C-alpha atoms as a PDB file:
ATOM      1  CA  MET A   1       9.012  -5.007 -21.966  1.00  0.00           C
ATOM      2  CA  SER A   2       7.524  -1.525 -21.739  1.00  0.00           C
ATOM      3  CA  VAL A   3       9.339  -0.871 -18.453  1.00  0.00           C
ATOM      4  CA  SER A   4      12.648  -1.986 -19.990  1.00  0.00           C
ATOM      5  CA  TYR A   5      12.019   0.236 -22.997  1.00  0.00           C
ATOM      6  CA  GLY A   6      11.368   3.225 -20.718  1.00  0.00           C
ATOM      7  CA  VAL A   7      14.547   2.654 -18.691  1.00  0.00           C
ATOM      8  CA  ILE A   8      16.738   2.211 -21.764  1.00  0.00           C
ATOM      9  CA  LYS A   9      15.284   5.291 -23.540  1.00  0.00           C
ATOM     10  CA  ARG A  10      15.810   7.463 -20.442  1.00  0.00           C
ATOM     11  CA  HIS A  11      19.479   6.472 -20.454  1.00  0.00           C
ATOM     12  CA  GLY A  12      19.869   7.410 -24.112  1.00  0.00           C
ATOM     13  CA  GLY A  13      19.867   3.803 -25.296  1.00  0.00           C
ATOM     14  CA  GLU A  14      18.072   1.841 -27.972  1.00  0.00           C
ATOM     15  CA  ILE A  15      16.332  -1.513 -28.359  1.00  0.00           C
ATOM     16  CA  GLU A  16      16.426  -3.306 -31.689  1.00  0.00           C
ATOM     17  CA  LEU A  17      14.278  -6.304 -32.465  1.00  0.00           C
ATOM     18  CA  GLU A  18      15.128  -9.090 -34.897  1.00  0.00           C
ATOM     19  CA  SER A  19      12.492 -11.742 -35.389  1.00  0.00           C
ATOM     20  CA  GLU A  20      12.080 -14.598 -37.791  1.00  0.00           C
ATOM     21  CA  GLU A  21       9.039 -16.829 -37.737  1.00  0.00           C
ATOM     22  CA  GLY A  22       9.877 -20.313 -36.586  1.00  0.00           C
ATOM     23  CA  LYS A  23      13.384 -19.343 -35.460  1.00  0.00           C
ATOM     24  CA  GLY A  24      12.791 -16.901 -32.612  1.00  0.00           C
ATOM     25  CA  THR A  25      13.350 -13.318 -31.589  1.00  0.00           C
ATOM     26  CA  ALA A  26      16.477 -11.465 -30.539  1.00  0.00           C
ATOM     27  CA  PHE A  27      16.578  -8.156 -28.704  1.00  0.00           C
ATOM     28  CA  ASN A  28      19.677  -6.014 -29.052  1.00  0.00           C
ATOM     29  CA  LEU A  29      20.118  -3.465 -26.287  1.00  0.00           C
ATOM     30  CA  ARG A  30      22.460  -0.501 -26.602  1.00  0.00           C
ATOM     31  CA  ILE A  31      23.144   1.630 -23.546  1.00  0.00           C
ATOM     32  CA  PRO A  32      25.787   4.349 -23.800  1.00  0.00           C
ATOM     33  CA  ILE A  33      28.761   4.192 -21.457  1.00  0.00           C
ATOM     34  CA  ARG A  34      30.298   7.448 -20.336  1.00  0.00           C
ATOM     35  CA  LYS A  35      33.922   6.920 -19.420  1.00  0.00           C
ATOM     36  CA  ASP A  36      34.504  10.598 -18.685  1.00  0.00           C
ATOM     37  CA  GLU A  37      32.151  10.648 -15.711  1.00  0.00           C
ATOM     38  CA  SER A  38      33.275   9.292 -12.387  1.00  0.00           C
ATOM     39  CA  GLN A  39      31.014   7.003 -10.430  1.00  0.00           C
ATOM     40  CA  LYS A  40      28.962   8.931  -7.920  1.00  0.00           C
ATOM     41  CA  ILE A  41      28.064   7.526  -4.547  1.00  0.00           C
ATOM     42  CA  ILE A  42      24.614   8.698  -3.613  1.00  0.00           C
ATOM     43  CA  PRO A  43      23.806   8.561   0.085  1.00  0.00           C
ATOM     44  CA  HIS A  44      20.541   6.996   1.147  1.00  0.00           C
ATOM     45  CA  GLU A  45      17.828   9.630   1.288  1.00  0.00           C
ATOM     46  CA  PRO A  46      15.528   9.712   4.281  1.00  0.00           C
ATOM     47  CA  ALA A  47      11.860   8.955   3.699  1.00  0.00           C
ATOM     48  CA  HIS A  48       9.999  11.810   2.075  1.00  0.00           C
ATOM     49  CA  LYS A  49       7.408  13.721   3.984  1.00  0.00           C
ATOM     50  CA  VAL A  50       3.945  12.400   3.308  1.00  0.00           C
ATOM     51  CA  SER A  51       1.253  14.902   4.165  1.00  0.00           C
ATOM     52  CA  ARG A  52      -1.721  12.703   3.282  1.00  0.00           C
ATOM     53  CA  LYS A  53      -2.359   9.410   5.107  1.00  0.00           C
ATOM     54  CA  ASN A  54      -5.109   6.843   5.551  1.00  0.00           C
ATOM     55  CA  LEU A  55      -6.230   6.661   1.940  1.00  0.00           C
ATOM     56  CA  HIS A  56      -7.855   3.483   0.679  1.00  0.00           C
ATOM     57  CA  VAL A  57      -5.886   2.718  -2.505  1.00  0.00           C
ATOM     58  CA  LEU A  58      -6.421   0.141  -5.248  1.00  0.00           C
ATOM     59  CA  VAL A  59      -3.335  -0.889  -7.236  1.00  0.00           C
ATOM     60  CA  VAL A  60      -4.043  -2.589 -10.576  1.00  0.00           C
ATOM     61  CA  ASP A  61      -1.040  -4.061 -12.394  1.00  0.00           C
ATOM     62  CA  ASP A  62      -0.369  -7.450 -13.955  1.00  0.00           C
ATOM     63  CA  ASN A  63       3.302  -7.212 -12.930  1.00  0.00           C
ATOM     64  CA  GLU A  64       3.751  -8.649  -9.435  1.00  0.00           C
ATOM     65  CA  ASP A  65       7.014  -6.770  -8.798  1.00  0.00           C
ATOM     66  CA  VAL A  66       5.369  -3.424  -9.543  1.00  0.00           C
ATOM     67  CA  ARG A  67       2.434  -4.273  -7.259  1.00  0.00           C
ATOM     68  CA  ILE A  68       4.764  -5.212  -4.407  1.00  0.00           C
ATOM     69  CA  ILE A  69       6.841  -2.030  -4.767  1.00  0.00           C
ATOM     70  CA  VAL A  70       3.815   0.275  -4.956  1.00  0.00           C
ATOM     71  CA  ASP A  71       2.100  -1.600  -2.085  1.00  0.00           C
ATOM     72  CA  ASN A  72       5.181  -1.151   0.115  1.00  0.00           C
ATOM     73  CA  ILE A  73       5.529   2.554  -0.702  1.00  0.00           C
ATOM     74  CA  LEU A  74       1.868   3.214   0.066  1.00  0.00           C
ATOM     75  CA  ALA A  75       1.660   1.041   3.175  1.00  0.00           C
ATOM     76  CA  ASP A  76       4.815   2.661   4.597  1.00  0.00           C
ATOM     77  CA  ALA A  77       3.169   6.046   4.014  1.00  0.00           C
ATOM     78  CA  GLY A  78       0.165   5.012   6.134  1.00  0.00           C
ATOM     79  CA  HIS A  79      -2.345   4.020   3.460  1.00  0.00           C
ATOM     80  CA  THR A  80      -4.563   0.938   3.235  1.00  0.00           C
ATOM     81  CA  VAL A  81      -3.760  -0.876  -0.004  1.00  0.00           C
ATOM     82  CA  LYS A  82      -5.542  -3.520  -2.028  1.00  0.00           C
ATOM     83  CA  SER A  83      -3.829  -4.954  -5.104  1.00  0.00           C
ATOM     84  CA  VAL A  84      -5.181  -6.919  -8.025  1.00  0.00           C
ATOM     85  CA  ASP A  85      -3.369  -8.445 -10.974  1.00  0.00           C
ATOM     86  CA  SER A  86      -5.945  -7.833 -13.699  1.00  0.00           C
ATOM     87  CA  GLY A  87      -8.291  -5.243 -15.064  1.00  0.00           C
ATOM     88  CA  MET A  88     -11.211  -7.658 -14.732  1.00  0.00           C
ATOM     89  CA  LYS A  89     -10.635  -8.031 -10.974  1.00  0.00           C
ATOM     90  CA  ALA A  90     -10.443  -4.249 -10.618  1.00  0.00           C
ATOM     91  CA  ILE A  91     -13.740  -3.782 -12.452  1.00  0.00           C
ATOM     92  CA  GLU A  92     -15.375  -6.453 -10.256  1.00  0.00           C
ATOM     93  CA  LEU A  93     -14.347  -4.412  -7.186  1.00  0.00           C
ATOM     94  CA  ALA A  94     -15.727  -1.165  -8.636  1.00  0.00           C
ATOM     95  CA  GLY A  95     -19.185  -1.503  -7.136  1.00  0.00           C
ATOM     96  CA  LYS A  96     -18.162  -3.442  -4.044  1.00  0.00           C
ATOM     97  CA  GLU A  97     -15.484  -1.306  -2.370  1.00  0.00           C
ATOM     98  CA  ASP A  98     -14.883   2.426  -2.129  1.00  0.00           C
ATOM     99  CA  PHE A  99     -11.374   3.614  -2.963  1.00  0.00           C
ATOM    100  CA  ASP A 100      -9.951   7.106  -2.553  1.00  0.00           C
ATOM    101  CA  LEU A 101      -7.323   6.435  -5.210  1.00  0.00           C
ATOM    102  CA  VAL A 102      -7.029   3.914  -8.041  1.00  0.00           C
ATOM    103  CA  LEU A 103      -3.530   3.396  -9.514  1.00  0.00           C
ATOM    104  CA  CYS A 104      -3.825   1.493 -12.770  1.00  0.00           C
ATOM    105  CA  ASP A 105      -1.433   0.111 -15.359  1.00  0.00           C
ATOM    106  CA  LEU A 106      -2.595   0.420 -18.962  1.00  0.00           C
ATOM    107  CA  LEU A 107      -1.285  -2.609 -20.826  1.00  0.00           C
ATOM    108  CA  MET A 108      -2.726  -5.726 -19.206  1.00  0.00           C
ATOM    109  CA  PRO A 109      -4.047  -8.966 -20.697  1.00  0.00           C
ATOM    110  CA  ASN A 110      -7.770  -9.248 -21.515  1.00  0.00           C
ATOM    111  CA  VAL A 111      -9.017  -5.989 -19.948  1.00  0.00           C
ATOM    112  CA  HIS A 112      -7.070  -2.841 -20.787  1.00  0.00           C
ATOM    113  CA  GLY A 113      -6.370  -0.146 -18.196  1.00  0.00           C
ATOM    114  CA  TYR A 114      -8.495   2.358 -20.118  1.00  0.00           C
ATOM    115  CA  ASP A 115     -11.491   0.044 -19.545  1.00  0.00           C
ATOM    116  CA  VAL A 116     -10.776   0.006 -15.800  1.00  0.00           C
ATOM    117  CA  ILE A 117     -10.596   3.794 -15.746  1.00  0.00           C
ATOM    118  CA  LYS A 118     -13.892   4.096 -17.636  1.00  0.00           C
ATOM    119  CA  ALA A 119     -15.585   1.751 -15.142  1.00  0.00           C
ATOM    120  CA  TYR A 120     -14.377   3.788 -12.144  1.00  0.00           C
ATOM    121  CA  ASN A 121     -15.262   7.091 -13.829  1.00  0.00           C
ATOM    122  CA  LYS A 122     -18.902   5.898 -14.085  1.00  0.00           C
ATOM    123  CA  LEU A 123     -19.273   5.378 -10.322  1.00  0.00           C
ATOM    124  CA  ASP A 124     -21.250   7.786  -8.158  1.00  0.00           C
ATOM    125  CA  LYS A 125     -18.308   8.155  -5.770  1.00  0.00           C
ATOM    126  CA  ILE A 126     -15.642  10.313  -7.328  1.00  0.00           C
ATOM    127  CA  GLN A 127     -12.253   8.795  -6.580  1.00  0.00           C
ATOM    128  CA  LYS A 128      -8.883   9.935  -7.854  1.00  0.00           C
ATOM    129  CA  ILE A 129      -7.218   7.930 -10.604  1.00  0.00           C
ATOM    130  CA  GLY A 130      -3.556   7.679 -11.500  1.00  0.00           C
ATOM    131  CA  ILE A 131      -2.072   5.847 -14.446  1.00  0.00           C
ATOM    132  CA  ILE A 132       1.195   4.015 -13.863  1.00  0.00           C
ATOM    133  CA  THR A 133       2.614   2.946 -17.220  1.00  0.00           C
ATOM    134  CA  GLY A 134       5.769   1.945 -19.015  1.00  0.00           C
ATOM    135  CA  TRP A 135       4.455   3.446 -22.243  1.00  0.00           C
ATOM    136  CA  ASP A 136       6.343   6.515 -23.282  1.00  0.00           C
ATOM    137  CA  ASP A 137       5.162   8.445 -26.311  1.00  0.00           C
ATOM    138  CA  LYS A 138       2.435   5.972 -27.278  1.00  0.00           C
ATOM    139  CA  LEU A 139      -0.133   7.060 -24.698  1.00  0.00           C
ATOM    140  CA  LYS A 140      -3.617   7.503 -26.081  1.00  0.00           C
ATOM    141  CA  PRO A 141      -4.715  11.125 -25.782  1.00  0.00           C
ATOM    142  CA  ILE A 142      -6.846  11.397 -22.683  1.00  0.00           C
ATOM    143  CA  ASP A 143      -9.518  13.744 -23.949  1.00  0.00           C
ATOM    144  CA  ASP A 144     -12.298  11.154 -23.978  1.00  0.00           C
ATOM    145  CA  GLU A 145     -15.102  12.104 -21.575  1.00  0.00           C
ATOM    146  CA  ASP A 146     -15.137   8.547 -20.205  1.00  0.00           C
ATOM    147  CA  ILE A 147     -11.424   8.644 -19.324  1.00  0.00           C
ATOM    148  CA  LYS A 148     -10.661  11.107 -16.535  1.00  0.00           C
ATOM    149  CA  VAL A 149      -7.354  10.755 -14.711  1.00  0.00           C
ATOM    150  CA  ASP A 150      -5.615  12.925 -12.151  1.00  0.00           C
ATOM    151  CA  PHE A 151      -2.030  12.054 -13.007  1.00  0.00           C
ATOM    152  CA  ILE A 152       0.205   9.859 -15.144  1.00  0.00           C
ATOM    153  CA  LEU A 153       3.335   8.309 -13.684  1.00  0.00           C
ATOM    154  CA  LYS A 154       5.779   6.691 -16.093  1.00  0.00           C
ATOM    155  CA  LYS A 155       7.657   3.536 -15.112  1.00  0.00           C
ATOM    156  CA  PRO A 156      10.236   3.368 -13.771  1.00  0.00           C
ATOM    157  CA  PHE A 157       9.415   6.064 -11.271  1.00  0.00           C
ATOM    158  CA  LYS A 158      10.909   7.283  -8.034  1.00  0.00           C
ATOM    159  CA  GLN A 159       9.118   6.926  -4.727  1.00  0.00           C
ATOM    160  CA  GLU A 160       9.181  10.701  -4.355  1.00  0.00           C
ATOM    161  CA  GLU A 161       7.265  11.141  -7.637  1.00  0.00           C
ATOM    162  CA  LEU A 162       4.420   8.903  -6.470  1.00  0.00           C
ATOM    163  CA  GLU A 163       4.320  10.573  -3.059  1.00  0.00           C
ATOM    164  CA  ASN A 164       4.228  14.040  -4.644  1.00  0.00           C
ATOM    165  CA  HIS A 165       1.290  13.081  -6.845  1.00  0.00           C
ATOM    166  CA  ILE A 166      -0.595  11.709  -3.842  1.00  0.00           C
ATOM    167  CA  ASN A 167       0.210  14.738  -1.690  1.00  0.00           C
ATOM    168  CA  ASN A 168      -1.060  17.066  -4.438  1.00  0.00           C
ATOM    169  CA  LEU A 169      -4.422  15.314  -4.860  1.00  0.00           C
ATOM    170  CA  ARG A 170      -7.525  17.151  -3.718  1.00  0.00           C
ATOM    171  CA  ILE A 171      -9.354  14.413  -1.858  1.00  0.00           C
ATOM    172  CA  ARG A 172     -12.287  15.177   0.400  1.00  0.00           C
ATOM    173  CA  ASP A 173     -11.415  13.985   3.881  1.00  0.00           C
END
């Protein structure tokens, strides 16, 4: 739902919710249509230049589609990727495997993304952490000493945005 909200808001639309206990919930989506603009055909862009390769990356997201997309982007760029579908699984890996980069969703069942980030921030090895989230203006301020992140990427995102964040990281080789 948070991804849908982000997409609709970026297009100038709105989501309205009508819910009545025992009867159900209805979502009304409004997306503006611009009749004055002609449809643009955008040619396929070649793959972006990736200057950093061979990172060991952990992707933490309860949404399988997001994991598959991020896995493919990273693997195509020459990185080794491990994906998990829950914050608990990510925390279990914290002491067992070394990752150069952890990409973590925030809103997941049972164990929140902030808890995953705190667990990785406590490790002796300093890895880079990126948040990938559909939340827009409801992000918790990240000024807590236990929550250190290197970048925030809002869903939906473009491949180029993720690659730019990774290319700009200062990771000890």
